[in-house]
Amino acid sequence: MKKLVCVLGFSTVLFAACQQPSSDLAPVTPDAARAEATPTKCSSPLSVKIKSSYKDYDRLYLFEAMYVGRNGKDSTLAASVYQDLINGDEVTFADLAYNKPVRVRFYENEQDKTKFISSGIFSSCGQGGADFDFKSFKPAVTASPVTFQVKFPCTDVDNKKLPATVAVEFRQTGTSQWLPLTTLNRNDVKKNLLETSTYRVIKGKSYDVRMLVFSSLLTQNATLLNKDVWEVPVKSTNFCK
């Protein structure tokens, strides 16, 4: 229990002045306590599950999370990510403001921000299930997939000399943001090739690619894709049998 320090004195009138010690803190009001306890950022990301009819269509599209104003309209940009439309995959937005209504926008053509598909409204901290339905979506242009292959300079590759997986990143030539292209698995090596199929690159455009194989960074820049196969040669014989 806090003690009051009381000073008694006499004058023409007897008075008592009581005051708290200066070291005591002022009482915390309920409103102040709530303000101190309320976080400013979500502790967990908002994950929105994709519902679509696609199983291997891994082309990346721009998604934006927009804070929703009191009038129910989109107000400010909360976060943006790139994600494919494969059924069951999730679009994840991290570090959002705490407990705010959020609507997600999908852009088929990110160069035209006037055209987009909107989701329902979700809680920024991801409470409850959040789905985005693309079952009726049909791409305006459906490009054929490109085979991405890493070619080794020998007849047979010893896959045990390769890392279990190799993450490959790409970007369109002239841009700065690297995006995930694919993840190669050493168990998929066939003779001297390690390859996969992807919709993330389009014939007729120029790309840069990079991948880290153990401590070696393998790169190829300004590659114009003019056929259905994108070949990246490996010069080192360290992975050969």
C-alpha atoms as a PDB file:
ATOM      1  CA  MET A   1       0.000   0.000   0.000  1.00  0.00           C
ATOM      2  CA  LYS A   2       1.339   3.423  -0.949  1.00  0.00           C
ATOM      3  CA  LYS A   3       1.975   5.749   2.026  1.00  0.00           C
ATOM      4  CA  LEU A   4       1.218   9.423   1.996  1.00  0.00           C
ATOM      5  CA  VAL A   5       3.782  11.781   3.472  1.00  0.00           C
ATOM      6  CA  CYS A   6       1.881  14.274   5.624  1.00  0.00           C
ATOM      7  CA  VAL A   7       3.304  17.545   6.890  1.00  0.00           C
ATOM      8  CA  LEU A   8       1.487  19.231   9.762  1.00  0.00           C
ATOM      9  CA  GLY A   9       1.901  22.859  10.615  1.00  0.00           C
ATOM     10  CA  PHE A  10       0.236  25.536  12.758  1.00  0.00           C
ATOM     11  CA  SER A  11      -0.569  29.085  11.883  1.00  0.00           C
ATOM     12  CA  THR A  12      -3.621  31.056  12.636  1.00  0.00           C
ATOM     13  CA  VAL A  13      -5.427  28.043  11.275  1.00  0.00           C
ATOM     14  CA  LEU A  14      -4.371  24.441  11.717  1.00  0.00           C
ATOM     15  CA  PHE A  15      -3.756  22.817   8.334  1.00  0.00           C
ATOM     16  CA  ALA A  16      -2.453  19.595   7.023  1.00  0.00           C
ATOM     17  CA  ALA A  17      -0.828  19.198   3.654  1.00  0.00           C
ATOM     18  CA  CYS A  18      -0.486  15.684   2.362  1.00  0.00           C
ATOM     19  CA  GLN A  19       1.373  14.804  -0.770  1.00  0.00           C
ATOM     20  CA  GLN A  20       2.607  11.635  -2.496  1.00  0.00           C
ATOM     21  CA  PRO A  21       6.312  11.005  -2.720  1.00  0.00           C
ATOM     22  CA  SER A  22       7.695  12.305  -6.025  1.00  0.00           C
ATOM     23  CA  SER A  23       8.979   8.808  -6.869  1.00  0.00           C
ATOM     24  CA  ASP A  24       5.446   7.413  -7.089  1.00  0.00           C
ATOM     25  CA  LEU A  25       3.934   7.109 -10.574  1.00  0.00           C
ATOM     26  CA  ALA A  26       0.578   8.550 -11.459  1.00  0.00           C
ATOM     27  CA  PRO A  27      -2.144   5.913 -11.675  1.00  0.00           C
ATOM     28  CA  VAL A  28      -2.621   4.325 -15.117  1.00  0.00           C
ATOM     29  CA  THR A  29      -6.082   4.830 -16.504  1.00  0.00           C
ATOM     30  CA  PRO A  30      -7.854   1.952 -18.294  1.00  0.00           C
ATOM     31  CA  ASP A  31      -7.614   3.830 -21.614  1.00  0.00           C
ATOM     32  CA  ALA A  32      -3.873   4.341 -21.207  1.00  0.00           C
ATOM     33  CA  ALA A  33      -3.376   0.691 -20.298  1.00  0.00           C
ATOM     34  CA  ARG A  34      -5.226  -0.416 -23.420  1.00  0.00           C
ATOM     35  CA  ALA A  35      -3.159   1.966 -25.547  1.00  0.00           C
ATOM     36  CA  GLU A  36       0.087   0.549 -24.151  1.00  0.00           C
ATOM     37  CA  ALA A  37      -1.055  -3.048 -24.683  1.00  0.00           C
ATOM     38  CA  THR A  38      -2.249  -2.631 -28.290  1.00  0.00           C
ATOM     39  CA  PRO A  39       0.469  -3.594 -30.821  1.00  0.00           C
ATOM     40  CA  THR A  40       1.035  -1.553 -33.958  1.00  0.00           C
ATOM     41  CA  LYS A  41       1.936  -4.490 -36.239  1.00  0.00           C
ATOM     42  CA  CYS A  42       0.487  -7.960 -36.698  1.00  0.00           C
ATOM     43  CA  SER A  43       2.548 -10.702 -35.074  1.00  0.00           C
ATOM     44  CA  SER A  44       1.598 -13.139 -37.845  1.00  0.00           C
ATOM     45  CA  PRO A  45       1.217 -12.583 -41.608  1.00  0.00           C
ATOM     46  CA  LEU A  46      -2.015 -12.519 -43.555  1.00  0.00           C
ATOM     47  CA  SER A  47      -2.202 -15.640 -45.732  1.00  0.00           C
ATOM     48  CA  VAL A  48      -4.849 -15.835 -48.451  1.00  0.00           C
ATOM     49  CA  LYS A  49      -5.416 -19.243 -50.043  1.00  0.00           C
ATOM     50  CA  ILE A  50      -5.804 -19.447 -53.822  1.00  0.00           C
ATOM     51  CA  LYS A  51      -8.797 -21.373 -55.151  1.00  0.00           C
ATOM     52  CA  SER A  52      -8.410 -22.139 -58.846  1.00  0.00           C
ATOM     53  CA  SER A  53      -8.504 -24.889 -61.444  1.00  0.00           C
ATOM     54  CA  TYR A  54      -4.740 -24.642 -62.127  1.00  0.00           C
ATOM     55  CA  LYS A  55      -2.336 -27.381 -61.060  1.00  0.00           C
ATOM     56  CA  ASP A  56       0.900 -26.349 -62.766  1.00  0.00           C
ATOM     57  CA  TYR A  57       0.304 -22.841 -64.119  1.00  0.00           C
ATOM     58  CA  ASP A  58       3.106 -21.165 -62.166  1.00  0.00           C
ATOM     59  CA  ARG A  59       3.177 -17.764 -63.884  1.00  0.00           C
ATOM     60  CA  LEU A  60       3.713 -14.989 -61.334  1.00  0.00           C
ATOM     61  CA  TYR A  61       1.198 -12.167 -60.950  1.00  0.00           C
ATOM     62  CA  LEU A  62       1.195  -9.009 -58.856  1.00  0.00           C
ATOM     63  CA  PHE A  63      -1.004  -9.019 -55.745  1.00  0.00           C
ATOM     64  CA  GLU A  64      -1.527  -5.933 -53.583  1.00  0.00           C
ATOM     65  CA  ALA A  65      -3.013  -5.733 -50.083  1.00  0.00           C
ATOM     66  CA  MET A  66      -4.977  -2.497 -49.645  1.00  0.00           C
ATOM     67  CA  TYR A  67      -6.165  -1.050 -46.349  1.00  0.00           C
ATOM     68  CA  VAL A  68      -9.911  -0.402 -46.471  1.00  0.00           C
ATOM     69  CA  GLY A  69     -11.243   2.957 -45.287  1.00  0.00           C
ATOM     70  CA  ARG A  70     -14.348   3.607 -43.201  1.00  0.00           C
ATOM     71  CA  ASN A  71     -16.286   4.223 -46.406  1.00  0.00           C
ATOM     72  CA  GLY A  72     -15.550   0.647 -47.520  1.00  0.00           C
ATOM     73  CA  LYS A  73     -13.234   1.739 -50.324  1.00  0.00           C
ATOM     74  CA  ASP A  74      -9.562   0.909 -50.798  1.00  0.00           C
ATOM     75  CA  SER A  75      -7.405   3.613 -49.246  1.00  0.00           C
ATOM     76  CA  THR A  76      -3.656   3.010 -49.014  1.00  0.00           C
ATOM     77  CA  LEU A  77      -1.286   0.261 -50.141  1.00  0.00           C
ATOM     78  CA  ALA A  78      -0.312  -2.107 -47.320  1.00  0.00           C
ATOM     79  CA  ALA A  79       2.004  -4.538 -49.145  1.00  0.00           C
ATOM     80  CA  SER A  80       2.623  -6.173 -52.514  1.00  0.00           C
ATOM     81  CA  VAL A  81       3.906  -9.615 -53.529  1.00  0.00           C
ATOM     82  CA  TYR A  82       4.156 -11.856 -56.590  1.00  0.00           C
ATOM     83  CA  GLN A  83       2.390 -15.206 -56.541  1.00  0.00           C
ATOM     84  CA  ASP A  84       1.139 -17.867 -58.945  1.00  0.00           C
ATOM     85  CA  LEU A  85      -2.448 -19.114 -59.262  1.00  0.00           C
ATOM     86  CA  ILE A  86      -1.880 -22.780 -58.463  1.00  0.00           C
ATOM     87  CA  ASN A  87      -4.799 -24.153 -56.484  1.00  0.00           C
ATOM     88  CA  GLY A  88      -4.021 -24.333 -52.768  1.00  0.00           C
ATOM     89  CA  ASP A  89      -1.036 -21.982 -52.865  1.00  0.00           C
ATOM     90  CA  GLU A  90      -1.108 -18.956 -50.571  1.00  0.00           C
ATOM     91  CA  VAL A  91      -0.511 -15.243 -51.038  1.00  0.00           C
ATOM     92  CA  THR A  92       1.246 -14.005 -47.899  1.00  0.00           C
ATOM     93  CA  PHE A  93       1.529 -10.410 -46.680  1.00  0.00           C
ATOM     94  CA  ALA A  94       3.770  -9.724 -43.676  1.00  0.00           C
ATOM     95  CA  ASP A  95       4.227  -6.760 -41.333  1.00  0.00           C
ATOM     96  CA  LEU A  96       0.730  -5.310 -41.781  1.00  0.00           C
ATOM     97  CA  ALA A  97      -0.795  -2.742 -39.426  1.00  0.00           C
ATOM     98  CA  TYR A  98      -2.586  -4.326 -36.491  1.00  0.00           C
ATOM     99  CA  ASN A  99      -6.249  -5.283 -36.791  1.00  0.00           C
ATOM    100  CA  LYS A 100      -7.089  -3.345 -39.952  1.00  0.00           C
ATOM    101  CA  PRO A 101      -9.529  -4.351 -42.709  1.00  0.00           C
ATOM    102  CA  VAL A 102      -7.666  -5.381 -45.859  1.00  0.00           C
ATOM    103  CA  ARG A 103      -8.749  -6.139 -49.419  1.00  0.00           C
ATOM    104  CA  VAL A 104      -6.461  -7.919 -51.910  1.00  0.00           C
ATOM    105  CA  ARG A 105      -6.099  -6.842 -55.543  1.00  0.00           C
ATOM    106  CA  PHE A 106      -4.965  -9.137 -58.370  1.00  0.00           C
ATOM    107  CA  TYR A 107      -3.459  -7.677 -61.554  1.00  0.00           C
ATOM    108  CA  GLU A 108      -3.237  -9.757 -64.707  1.00  0.00           C
ATOM    109  CA  ASN A 109      -1.271  -6.907 -66.299  1.00  0.00           C
ATOM    110  CA  GLU A 110       0.621  -4.965 -63.664  1.00  0.00           C
ATOM    111  CA  GLN A 111       1.402  -2.225 -66.179  1.00  0.00           C
ATOM    112  CA  ASP A 112      -2.290  -1.275 -66.180  1.00  0.00           C
ATOM    113  CA  LYS A 113      -3.271  -0.511 -62.575  1.00  0.00           C
ATOM    114  CA  THR A 114      -6.792   0.490 -63.612  1.00  0.00           C
ATOM    115  CA  LYS A 115      -7.812  -3.136 -64.183  1.00  0.00           C
ATOM    116  CA  PHE A 116      -7.787  -5.616 -61.312  1.00  0.00           C
ATOM    117  CA  ILE A 117      -9.833  -8.270 -59.521  1.00  0.00           C
ATOM    118  CA  SER A 118     -10.669  -7.656 -55.852  1.00  0.00           C
ATOM    119  CA  SER A 119     -11.080 -10.150 -53.037  1.00  0.00           C
ATOM    120  CA  GLY A 120     -13.390  -9.901 -50.058  1.00  0.00           C
ATOM    121  CA  ILE A 121     -12.322  -8.021 -46.935  1.00  0.00           C
ATOM    122  CA  PHE A 122      -9.982  -9.766 -44.486  1.00  0.00           C
ATOM    123  CA  SER A 123      -8.481  -8.928 -41.107  1.00  0.00           C
ATOM    124  CA  SER A 124      -4.884  -7.776 -41.517  1.00  0.00           C
ATOM    125  CA  CYS A 125      -3.613 -10.174 -38.845  1.00  0.00           C
ATOM    126  CA  GLY A 126      -5.102 -13.194 -40.558  1.00  0.00           C
ATOM    127  CA  GLN A 127      -7.747 -14.276 -38.072  1.00  0.00           C
ATOM    128  CA  GLY A 128     -10.082 -16.778 -39.678  1.00  0.00           C
ATOM    129  CA  GLY A 129      -9.883 -18.366 -43.112  1.00  0.00           C
ATOM    130  CA  ALA A 130      -9.117 -16.144 -46.094  1.00  0.00           C
ATOM    131  CA  ASP A 131      -9.709 -17.368 -49.671  1.00  0.00           C
ATOM    132  CA  PHE A 132      -9.444 -15.740 -53.102  1.00  0.00           C
ATOM    133  CA  ASP A 133     -11.507 -17.529 -55.778  1.00  0.00           C
ATOM    134  CA  PHE A 134     -10.041 -17.678 -59.305  1.00  0.00           C
ATOM    135  CA  LYS A 135     -12.032 -20.631 -60.630  1.00  0.00           C
ATOM    136  CA  SER A 136     -13.705 -18.451 -63.263  1.00  0.00           C
ATOM    137  CA  PHE A 137     -10.505 -16.606 -64.226  1.00  0.00           C
ATOM    138  CA  LYS A 138      -9.118 -17.171 -67.727  1.00  0.00           C
ATOM    139  CA  PRO A 139      -5.830 -15.489 -68.734  1.00  0.00           C
ATOM    140  CA  ALA A 140      -6.171 -13.071 -71.628  1.00  0.00           C
ATOM    141  CA  VAL A 141      -3.010 -14.530 -73.154  1.00  0.00           C
ATOM    142  CA  THR A 142      -1.951 -18.112 -72.471  1.00  0.00           C
ATOM    143  CA  ALA A 143       1.716 -18.559 -73.345  1.00  0.00           C
ATOM    144  CA  SER A 144       3.235 -21.997 -73.792  1.00  0.00           C
ATOM    145  CA  PRO A 145       5.613 -23.216 -71.069  1.00  0.00           C
ATOM    146  CA  VAL A 146       9.378 -22.892 -71.439  1.00  0.00           C
ATOM    147  CA  THR A 147      11.752 -25.707 -70.525  1.00  0.00           C
ATOM    148  CA  PHE A 148      14.501 -24.369 -68.269  1.00  0.00           C
ATOM    149  CA  GLN A 149      17.556 -26.609 -68.256  1.00  0.00           C
ATOM    150  CA  VAL A 150      20.992 -26.614 -66.706  1.00  0.00           C
ATOM    151  CA  LYS A 151      23.432 -28.446 -68.984  1.00  0.00           C
ATOM    152  CA  PHE A 152      26.611 -30.028 -67.608  1.00  0.00           C
ATOM    153  CA  PRO A 153      29.775 -30.570 -69.733  1.00  0.00           C
ATOM    154  CA  CYS A 154      29.827 -34.352 -69.435  1.00  0.00           C
ATOM    155  CA  THR A 155      27.835 -37.404 -70.434  1.00  0.00           C
ATOM    156  CA  ASP A 156      26.718 -38.298 -66.912  1.00  0.00           C
ATOM    157  CA  VAL A 157      26.340 -36.246 -63.756  1.00  0.00           C
ATOM    158  CA  ASP A 158      26.911 -37.622 -60.271  1.00  0.00           C
ATOM    159  CA  ASN A 159      23.881 -36.169 -58.526  1.00  0.00           C
ATOM    160  CA  LYS A 160      25.438 -36.871 -55.112  1.00  0.00           C
ATOM    161  CA  LYS A 161      27.921 -34.112 -55.889  1.00  0.00           C
ATOM    162  CA  LEU A 162      25.068 -31.621 -56.286  1.00  0.00           C
ATOM    163  CA  PRO A 163      23.180 -29.925 -53.447  1.00  0.00           C
ATOM    164  CA  ALA A 164      19.808 -31.511 -52.695  1.00  0.00           C
ATOM    165  CA  THR A 165      18.024 -28.494 -54.173  1.00  0.00           C
ATOM    166  CA  VAL A 166      19.051 -25.423 -56.142  1.00  0.00           C
ATOM    167  CA  ALA A 167      16.918 -22.279 -55.961  1.00  0.00           C
ATOM    168  CA  VAL A 168      16.851 -20.372 -59.251  1.00  0.00           C
ATOM    169  CA  GLU A 169      15.949 -16.669 -59.474  1.00  0.00           C
ATOM    170  CA  PHE A 170      15.198 -14.543 -62.530  1.00  0.00           C
ATOM    171  CA  ARG A 171      14.334 -11.022 -63.558  1.00  0.00           C
ATOM    172  CA  GLN A 172      13.412  -9.341 -66.798  1.00  0.00           C
ATOM    173  CA  THR A 173      16.506  -7.645 -68.209  1.00  0.00           C
ATOM    174  CA  GLY A 174      16.615  -3.996 -67.205  1.00  0.00           C
ATOM    175  CA  THR A 175      14.654  -4.479 -63.975  1.00  0.00           C
ATOM    176  CA  SER A 176      16.048  -4.779 -60.445  1.00  0.00           C
ATOM    177  CA  GLN A 177      13.738  -7.161 -58.574  1.00  0.00           C
ATOM    178  CA  TRP A 178      14.740 -10.824 -58.499  1.00  0.00           C
ATOM    179  CA  LEU A 179      11.882 -13.323 -58.399  1.00  0.00           C
ATOM    180  CA  PRO A 180      11.829 -17.099 -57.826  1.00  0.00           C
ATOM    181  CA  LEU A 181      11.904 -19.036 -61.098  1.00  0.00           C
ATOM    182  CA  THR A 182      12.034 -22.624 -59.862  1.00  0.00           C
ATOM    183  CA  THR A 183      13.715 -25.011 -57.437  1.00  0.00           C
ATOM    184  CA  LEU A 184      15.756 -27.758 -59.070  1.00  0.00           C
ATOM    185  CA  ASN A 185      16.091 -31.151 -57.380  1.00  0.00           C
ATOM    186  CA  ARG A 186      19.236 -33.222 -57.871  1.00  0.00           C
ATOM    187  CA  ASN A 187      17.158 -36.397 -58.091  1.00  0.00           C
ATOM    188  CA  ASP A 188      15.740 -35.072 -61.370  1.00  0.00           C
ATOM    189  CA  VAL A 189      19.105 -35.173 -63.156  1.00  0.00           C
ATOM    190  CA  LYS A 190      18.946 -37.119 -66.429  1.00  0.00           C
ATOM    191  CA  LYS A 191      22.389 -37.829 -67.894  1.00  0.00           C
ATOM    192  CA  ASN A 192      23.847 -34.309 -68.231  1.00  0.00           C
ATOM    193  CA  LEU A 193      20.652 -32.285 -67.823  1.00  0.00           C
ATOM    194  CA  LEU A 194      18.732 -30.872 -64.896  1.00  0.00           C
ATOM    195  CA  GLU A 195      15.509 -29.358 -66.172  1.00  0.00           C
ATOM    196  CA  THR A 196      11.971 -28.260 -65.396  1.00  0.00           C
ATOM    197  CA  SER A 197       9.032 -26.608 -67.144  1.00  0.00           C
ATOM    198  CA  THR A 198       7.740 -23.153 -66.238  1.00  0.00           C
ATOM    199  CA  TYR A 199       5.275 -20.464 -67.355  1.00  0.00           C
ATOM    200  CA  ARG A 200       7.131 -17.718 -65.511  1.00  0.00           C
ATOM    201  CA  VAL A 201       9.137 -16.614 -68.531  1.00  0.00           C
ATOM    202  CA  ILE A 202       7.749 -15.786 -71.954  1.00  0.00           C
ATOM    203  CA  LYS A 203       9.274 -16.252 -75.371  1.00  0.00           C
ATOM    204  CA  GLY A 204      10.298 -13.016 -77.051  1.00  0.00           C
ATOM    205  CA  LYS A 205      11.488 -11.349 -73.833  1.00  0.00           C
ATOM    206  CA  SER A 206      14.977 -11.004 -72.371  1.00  0.00           C
ATOM    207  CA  TYR A 207      15.871 -12.280 -68.891  1.00  0.00           C
ATOM    208  CA  ASP A 208      18.693 -12.585 -66.368  1.00  0.00           C
ATOM    209  CA  VAL A 209      19.044 -15.707 -64.232  1.00  0.00           C
ATOM    210  CA  ARG A 210      21.129 -16.674 -61.208  1.00  0.00           C
ATOM    211  CA  MET A 211      21.533 -19.704 -58.960  1.00  0.00           C
ATOM    212  CA  LEU A 212      23.899 -20.647 -56.158  1.00  0.00           C
ATOM    213  CA  VAL A 213      25.417 -24.131 -56.463  1.00  0.00           C
ATOM    214  CA  PHE A 214      27.255 -24.597 -53.178  1.00  0.00           C
ATOM    215  CA  SER A 215      29.632 -21.616 -53.121  1.00  0.00           C
ATOM    216  CA  SER A 216      29.550 -21.003 -56.879  1.00  0.00           C
ATOM    217  CA  LEU A 217      27.171 -18.401 -58.291  1.00  0.00           C
ATOM    218  CA  LEU A 218      26.008 -19.366 -61.768  1.00  0.00           C
ATOM    219  CA  THR A 219      24.590 -16.474 -63.802  1.00  0.00           C
ATOM    220  CA  GLN A 220      23.403 -15.733 -67.311  1.00  0.00           C
ATOM    221  CA  ASN A 221      22.394 -12.213 -68.298  1.00  0.00           C
ATOM    222  CA  ALA A 222      20.373 -10.616 -71.083  1.00  0.00           C
ATOM    223  CA  THR A 223      19.182 -13.897 -72.580  1.00  0.00           C
ATOM    224  CA  LEU A 224      16.578 -13.398 -75.296  1.00  0.00           C
ATOM    225  CA  LEU A 225      14.183 -16.338 -75.270  1.00  0.00           C
ATOM    226  CA  ASN A 226      13.469 -17.175 -78.889  1.00  0.00           C
ATOM    227  CA  LYS A 227      12.660 -20.863 -78.470  1.00  0.00           C
ATOM    228  CA  ASP A 228      10.923 -23.230 -76.062  1.00  0.00           C
ATOM    229  CA  VAL A 229      14.147 -24.176 -74.248  1.00  0.00           C
ATOM    230  CA  TRP A 230      16.240 -21.893 -72.045  1.00  0.00           C
ATOM    231  CA  GLU A 231      19.642 -23.528 -71.637  1.00  0.00           C
ATOM    232  CA  VAL A 232      22.162 -22.464 -68.998  1.00  0.00           C
ATOM    233  CA  PRO A 233      25.529 -24.232 -69.502  1.00  0.00           C
ATOM    234  CA  VAL A 234      27.788 -25.258 -66.615  1.00  0.00           C
ATOM    235  CA  LYS A 235      31.506 -25.113 -67.420  1.00  0.00           C
ATOM    236  CA  SER A 236      32.812 -26.862 -64.319  1.00  0.00           C
ATOM    237  CA  THR A 237      33.371 -30.636 -64.416  1.00  0.00           C
ATOM    238  CA  ASN A 238      33.176 -30.935 -60.615  1.00  0.00           C
ATOM    239  CA  PHE A 239      29.749 -32.579 -60.823  1.00  0.00           C
ATOM    240  CA  CYS A 240      30.631 -35.212 -63.408  1.00  0.00           C
ATOM    241  CA  LYS A 241      31.074 -38.921 -62.697  1.00  0.00           C
END
